[in-house]
Amino acid sequence: MNLRQIEFAVAVAEEQSFTRAAERCHTVQSALSHQIAKLEDELGSKLFERTSRSVRLTVAGQAFLPVARQMLSAQSRIRDEVAAASGTVRGTLTVGTISTFTHVDLVDVLGRFHERYPDVDIRFYQGMSENLVVDVREERSDVAFLGLWPGEPVEGVNKQIIADEDLVAIIPLSHPLSRESSINLLQLVGSPLVDFYANSGARRQTAEAFAAAGVKPRVNFEVSHIDLLERIVRRGLAIGLVPRFDFDACDKLAMVPVEDGPVRRVYAVWGNDPTPAAVAFMGMVREALEGA
């Protein structure tokens, strides 16, 4: 058994195709198939069920895959740690964030990180809080920025509280409530609302606030991104509850404090065994937070 064979098998599992796996690994399909057959012989079990139309993991293959990924990650990590000991930060850095994170400009921080550490391959994406923390816990991401209801546990990762935020209402200027200096949740009864999708962490924050106020919200629009939520409000279709953010105040939108509104706790989270790139990036994030 060798790491090249393991790399081939992981590629087949992820691509669900021997042809695509061979292309990904820059080899011919016959060589890849031969090496996987040798690996299966040594393991004494078939890893894949092959048909003319698909490739699927066997039960043995399902047991093999997570450990194989760990071995490949460890191989890469050895190189990165040795390079870091010599003063060179390299490898990959995967960063996830909720779309409403505004405490630092992550694109700017990533830009400065790239200037300082050009050998690091940066990956960046947006997601929902509950998915982001799992990504970090399961080592699919190095660092994530997320918002949860205060008191909601954040387990299996390192974490730093960045802020506690009161959510505010964004209201179409055509709505009477847009002229109020502040409102409460009871005043939203009967008005259509736009919120994040059911069972998401963001939705739980608003649901718990409404429940505490004894109010049942009328959620007509469910979204997964703040940009779409804002567009729905701007078109006069609904009211949204979001963290305070910058916008053009003259553009059909008012931002009004909610006296008994939802609160969220914003975190940075990173793995329990962070890579040199993740350690360096978190250092730059802290510098940005201190300067904000």
Protein backbone atom coordinates (compact mmCIF):
# COMPACT_ATOMS: atom_id res chain seq x y z
CA MET A 1 0.00 0.00 0.00
CA ASN A 2 1.31 3.45 -0.87
CA LEU A 3 0.02 6.99 -0.81
CA ARG A 4 -0.31 7.16 -4.58
CA GLN A 5 -2.72 4.22 -4.52
CA ILE A 6 -4.68 5.89 -1.73
CA GLU A 7 -4.80 9.13 -3.71
CA PHE A 8 -6.18 7.23 -6.71
CA ALA A 9 -8.87 5.55 -4.61
CA VAL A 10 -9.97 8.81 -3.00
CA ALA A 11 -10.17 10.43 -6.42
CA VAL A 12 -12.42 7.63 -7.72
CA ALA A 13 -14.64 7.91 -4.64
CA GLU A 14 -15.01 11.67 -5.02
CA GLU A 15 -15.38 11.73 -8.79
CA GLN A 16 -17.52 8.56 -8.92
CA SER A 17 -15.72 7.75 -12.14
CA PHE A 18 -12.46 6.02 -13.02
CA THR A 19 -12.13 8.19 -16.13
CA ARG A 20 -12.51 11.49 -14.29
CA ALA A 21 -10.29 10.26 -11.45
CA ALA A 22 -7.51 9.41 -13.93
CA GLU A 23 -7.78 12.87 -15.48
CA ARG A 24 -7.66 14.47 -12.04
CA CYS A 25 -4.58 12.45 -11.07
CA HIS A 26 -2.83 13.06 -14.42
CA THR A 27 -2.51 9.40 -15.28
CA VAL A 28 -4.06 6.93 -17.71
CA GLN A 29 -7.13 4.99 -16.62
CA SER A 30 -5.49 1.58 -17.03
CA ALA A 31 -2.67 2.53 -14.63
CA LEU A 32 -5.13 3.94 -12.09
CA SER A 33 -7.33 0.84 -12.27
CA HIS A 34 -4.30 -1.44 -11.87
CA GLN A 35 -3.10 0.41 -8.75
CA ILE A 36 -6.55 0.35 -7.16
CA ALA A 37 -6.80 -3.39 -7.86
CA LYS A 38 -3.46 -3.90 -6.09
CA LEU A 39 -4.71 -1.82 -3.15
CA GLU A 40 -7.90 -3.89 -2.93
CA ASP A 41 -5.87 -7.11 -3.03
CA GLU A 42 -3.72 -5.93 -0.15
CA LEU A 43 -6.75 -4.82 1.86
CA GLY A 44 -8.59 -8.04 1.09
CA SER A 45 -11.77 -6.15 0.22
CA LYS A 46 -13.34 -4.48 -2.76
CA LEU A 47 -13.62 -0.72 -2.34
CA PHE A 48 -15.93 -0.02 -5.27
CA GLU A 49 -18.98 -1.48 -6.93
CA ARG A 50 -18.54 -0.98 -10.66
CA THR A 51 -21.33 -0.96 -13.22
CA SER A 52 -21.43 0.29 -16.79
CA ARG A 53 -23.02 3.51 -15.55
CA SER A 54 -21.68 4.24 -12.08
CA VAL A 55 -19.02 3.66 -9.45
CA ARG A 56 -20.11 3.40 -5.84
CA LEU A 57 -18.31 2.72 -2.59
CA THR A 58 -18.80 -0.65 -0.97
CA VAL A 59 -19.26 -0.89 2.79
CA ALA A 60 -15.51 -1.46 3.02
CA GLY A 61 -14.95 1.56 0.77
CA GLN A 62 -17.08 3.72 3.04
CA ALA A 63 -14.90 2.69 5.98
CA PHE A 64 -11.74 3.29 3.95
CA LEU A 65 -12.53 6.80 2.65
CA PRO A 66 -12.37 8.98 5.80
CA VAL A 67 -9.14 7.34 7.00
CA ALA A 68 -7.63 7.65 3.51
CA ARG A 69 -8.45 11.35 3.44
CA GLN A 70 -6.76 11.74 6.82
CA MET A 71 -3.62 10.04 5.51
CA LEU A 72 -3.43 12.31 2.46
CA SER A 73 -4.05 15.34 4.64
CA ALA A 74 -1.29 14.22 7.01
CA GLN A 75 1.13 13.86 4.11
CA SER A 76 0.41 17.41 3.00
CA ARG A 77 0.55 18.63 6.59
CA ILE A 78 4.06 17.20 7.08
CA ARG A 79 5.34 19.26 4.15
CA ASP A 80 3.58 22.39 5.42
CA GLU A 81 4.91 22.03 8.97
CA VAL A 82 8.48 21.49 7.78
CA ALA A 83 8.21 24.54 5.52
CA ALA A 84 6.79 26.62 8.39
CA ALA A 85 9.71 25.61 10.60
CA SER A 86 11.95 27.13 7.93
CA GLY A 87 9.92 30.33 7.88
CA THR A 88 7.72 29.56 4.83
CA VAL A 89 3.93 29.32 5.24
CA ARG A 90 2.43 27.17 2.47
CA GLY A 91 -0.39 24.70 1.87
CA THR A 92 -4.07 25.59 1.64
CA LEU A 93 -6.34 27.89 3.61
CA THR A 94 -10.10 27.36 3.43
CA VAL A 95 -12.25 30.08 5.00
CA GLY A 96 -16.03 30.05 5.32
CA THR A 97 -18.30 32.86 6.47
CA ILE A 98 -21.93 33.81 6.87
CA SER A 99 -23.05 36.43 4.36
CA THR A 100 -23.83 38.94 7.12
CA PHE A 101 -20.38 39.03 8.73
CA THR A 102 -19.22 42.68 8.72
CA HIS A 103 -16.80 43.05 11.63
CA VAL A 104 -13.77 42.94 9.37
CA ASP A 105 -13.41 43.03 5.61
CA LEU A 106 -12.48 39.41 5.01
CA VAL A 107 -11.63 39.98 1.36
CA ASP A 108 -9.18 42.69 2.38
CA VAL A 109 -7.64 40.45 5.05
CA LEU A 110 -7.34 37.60 2.55
CA GLY A 111 -5.73 39.98 0.08
CA ARG A 112 -3.12 41.05 2.61
CA PHE A 113 -2.64 37.42 3.65
CA HIS A 114 -1.97 36.49 0.01
CA GLU A 115 0.59 39.30 -0.31
CA ARG A 116 2.39 38.08 2.81
CA TYR A 117 2.06 34.32 2.13
CA PRO A 118 1.86 33.85 -1.66
CA ASP A 119 2.56 30.10 -1.44
CA VAL A 120 -0.78 29.44 0.28
CA ASP A 121 -3.68 28.34 -1.93
CA ILE A 122 -6.72 30.27 -0.64
CA ARG A 123 -10.29 29.00 -0.82
CA PHE A 124 -13.24 31.11 0.35
CA TYR A 125 -17.00 30.48 0.47
CA GLN A 126 -20.22 31.58 2.17
CA GLY A 127 -22.58 29.31 4.06
CA MET A 128 -24.96 29.01 6.99
CA SER A 129 -23.61 28.96 10.54
CA GLU A 130 -24.69 25.42 11.36
CA ASN A 131 -22.90 24.08 8.28
CA LEU A 132 -19.78 26.19 8.74
CA VAL A 133 -19.03 24.91 12.23
CA VAL A 134 -19.40 21.30 11.03
CA ASP A 135 -17.03 22.03 8.14
CA VAL A 136 -14.37 23.21 10.59
CA ARG A 137 -14.99 20.36 13.01
CA GLU A 138 -14.66 17.81 10.20
CA GLU A 139 -11.59 19.58 8.74
CA ARG A 140 -13.20 20.63 5.46
CA SER A 141 -12.50 24.26 6.42
CA ASP A 142 -9.71 25.83 8.43
CA VAL A 143 -11.49 28.93 9.75
CA ALA A 144 -15.11 30.09 9.76
CA PHE A 145 -17.07 33.14 10.89
CA LEU A 146 -20.59 32.48 12.10
CA GLY A 147 -23.45 33.80 14.21
CA LEU A 148 -25.47 31.81 16.74
CA TRP A 149 -28.08 32.42 19.40
CA PRO A 150 -26.27 33.33 22.68
CA GLY A 151 -25.89 30.19 24.75
CA GLU A 152 -26.03 27.85 21.76
CA PRO A 153 -23.07 25.48 22.16
CA VAL A 154 -20.06 25.64 19.85
CA GLU A 155 -18.31 22.32 20.34
CA GLY A 156 -15.35 20.47 18.88
CA VAL A 157 -13.52 23.58 17.64
CA ASN A 158 -11.48 26.48 18.93
CA LYS A 159 -13.52 29.66 19.12
CA GLN A 160 -13.29 33.37 19.78
CA ILE A 161 -16.31 35.55 20.49
CA ILE A 162 -16.16 38.59 18.23
CA ALA A 163 -19.36 40.42 19.23
CA ASP A 164 -22.92 40.18 20.48
CA GLU A 165 -25.24 41.87 17.99
CA ASP A 166 -28.81 43.11 18.25
CA LEU A 167 -30.67 42.45 15.02
CA VAL A 168 -32.55 45.36 13.48
CA ALA A 169 -35.55 45.55 11.16
CA ILE A 170 -35.03 46.60 7.57
CA ILE A 171 -38.30 48.02 6.31
CA PRO A 172 -39.49 49.37 2.95
CA LEU A 173 -39.86 53.16 3.08
CA SER A 174 -43.44 52.69 1.89
CA HIS A 175 -44.31 50.87 5.16
CA PRO A 176 -45.63 53.00 8.09
CA LEU A 177 -43.17 51.38 10.52
CA SER A 178 -40.24 52.79 8.52
CA ARG A 179 -40.87 56.19 10.15
CA GLU A 180 -40.61 54.87 13.74
CA SER A 181 -37.50 55.51 15.82
CA SER A 182 -37.84 51.97 17.24
CA ILE A 183 -40.38 49.15 17.19
CA ASN A 184 -41.17 45.91 19.00
CA LEU A 185 -41.99 42.47 17.65
CA LEU A 186 -45.70 42.84 18.39
CA GLN A 187 -45.84 45.64 15.82
CA LEU A 188 -44.72 43.18 13.15
CA VAL A 189 -47.78 40.95 13.59
CA GLY A 190 -49.59 40.70 10.27
CA SER A 191 -46.72 42.10 8.21
CA PRO A 192 -45.08 39.66 5.79
CA LEU A 193 -41.50 38.82 6.82
CA VAL A 194 -38.47 37.55 4.95
CA ASP A 195 -36.15 35.25 6.91
CA PHE A 196 -33.56 32.56 6.39
CA TYR A 197 -34.74 29.06 5.68
CA ALA A 198 -36.43 26.93 8.35
CA ASN A 199 -34.18 25.11 10.85
CA SER A 200 -31.16 27.29 10.01
CA GLY A 201 -29.24 28.91 12.86
CA ALA A 202 -30.25 32.38 11.67
CA ARG A 203 -33.93 31.39 11.61
CA ARG A 204 -33.72 29.99 15.14
CA GLN A 205 -32.48 33.35 16.39
CA THR A 206 -35.58 35.16 15.17
CA ALA A 207 -37.93 32.30 16.09
CA GLU A 208 -36.75 32.30 19.71
CA ALA A 209 -37.14 36.08 19.98
CA PHE A 210 -40.71 35.93 18.63
CA ALA A 211 -41.53 33.02 20.97
CA ALA A 212 -40.18 34.95 23.95
CA ALA A 213 -42.41 37.90 22.98
CA GLY A 214 -45.43 35.62 22.60
CA VAL A 215 -45.75 36.55 18.94
CA LYS A 216 -46.19 34.27 15.93
CA PRO A 217 -44.32 35.65 12.91
CA ARG A 218 -45.69 35.53 9.36
CA VAL A 219 -42.74 34.40 7.26
CA ASN A 220 -43.74 34.60 3.59
CA PHE A 221 -40.23 34.51 2.08
CA GLU A 222 -37.39 32.11 2.93
CA VAL A 223 -33.89 32.78 1.61
CA SER A 224 -30.32 31.59 2.10
CA HIS A 225 -28.42 34.83 1.46
CA ILE A 226 -28.57 38.37 2.82
CA ASP A 227 -28.44 39.92 -0.67
CA LEU A 228 -31.69 38.24 -1.71
CA LEU A 229 -33.29 39.16 1.61
CA GLU A 230 -32.37 42.81 1.08
CA ARG A 231 -33.72 42.78 -2.50
CA ILE A 232 -37.07 41.44 -1.29
CA VAL A 233 -37.31 44.26 1.26
CA ARG A 234 -36.31 46.89 -1.28
CA ARG A 235 -39.15 45.74 -3.54
CA GLY A 236 -41.61 46.35 -0.71
CA LEU A 237 -42.51 42.67 -0.35
CA ALA A 238 -41.58 42.08 3.29
CA ILE A 239 -39.72 43.20 6.42
CA GLY A 240 -36.45 41.52 7.43
CA LEU A 241 -34.55 41.15 10.71
CA VAL A 242 -30.81 41.31 10.15
CA PRO A 243 -27.54 42.49 11.77
CA ARG A 244 -26.90 46.18 11.24
CA PHE A 245 -25.04 46.77 7.98
CA ASP A 246 -24.15 49.61 5.61
CA PHE A 247 -26.61 50.52 2.88
CA ASP A 248 -27.86 53.47 0.86
CA ALA A 249 -30.43 55.04 3.21
CA CYS A 250 -32.19 56.76 0.32
CA ASP A 251 -32.73 53.55 -1.61
CA LYS A 252 -36.22 52.46 -0.51
CA LEU A 253 -34.99 51.03 2.78
CA ALA A 254 -35.09 52.04 6.46
CA MET A 255 -33.20 50.38 9.31
CA VAL A 256 -35.13 50.49 12.62
CA PRO A 257 -34.00 49.16 16.04
CA VAL A 258 -36.21 46.42 17.55
CA GLU A 259 -36.58 46.75 21.32
CA ASP A 260 -37.18 43.04 21.96
CA GLY A 261 -35.55 41.79 18.78
CA PRO A 262 -33.26 38.82 18.22
CA VAL A 263 -29.65 38.78 19.40
CA ARG A 264 -26.82 36.77 17.91
CA ARG A 265 -23.30 35.99 19.07
CA VAL A 266 -20.66 36.21 16.35
CA TYR A 267 -17.71 33.81 16.49
CA ALA A 268 -14.51 33.01 14.69
CA VAL A 269 -13.89 29.25 14.88
CA TRP A 270 -10.92 27.17 13.77
CA GLY A 271 -9.74 23.60 14.09
CA ASN A 272 -8.27 22.02 17.19
CA ASP A 273 -5.03 21.30 15.32
CA PRO A 274 -4.69 24.36 13.07
CA THR A 275 -2.33 24.39 10.12
CA PRO A 276 0.44 27.00 9.91
CA ALA A 277 -1.65 28.86 7.32
CA ALA A 278 -4.68 28.92 9.64
CA VAL A 279 -2.57 30.17 12.55
CA ALA A 280 -1.11 32.93 10.40
CA PHE A 281 -4.52 33.91 9.05
CA MET A 282 -6.12 34.10 12.50
CA GLY A 283 -3.26 36.35 13.59
CA MET A 284 -4.11 38.74 10.76
CA VAL A 285 -7.82 38.58 11.63
CA ARG A 286 -7.05 39.58 15.20
CA GLU A 287 -4.94 42.48 13.95
CA ALA A 288 -7.88 43.61 11.80
CA LEU A 289 -10.33 43.30 14.70
CA GLU A 290 -8.07 45.36 16.96
CA GLY A 291 -7.81 48.04 14.29
CA ALA A 292 -11.54 48.12 13.55
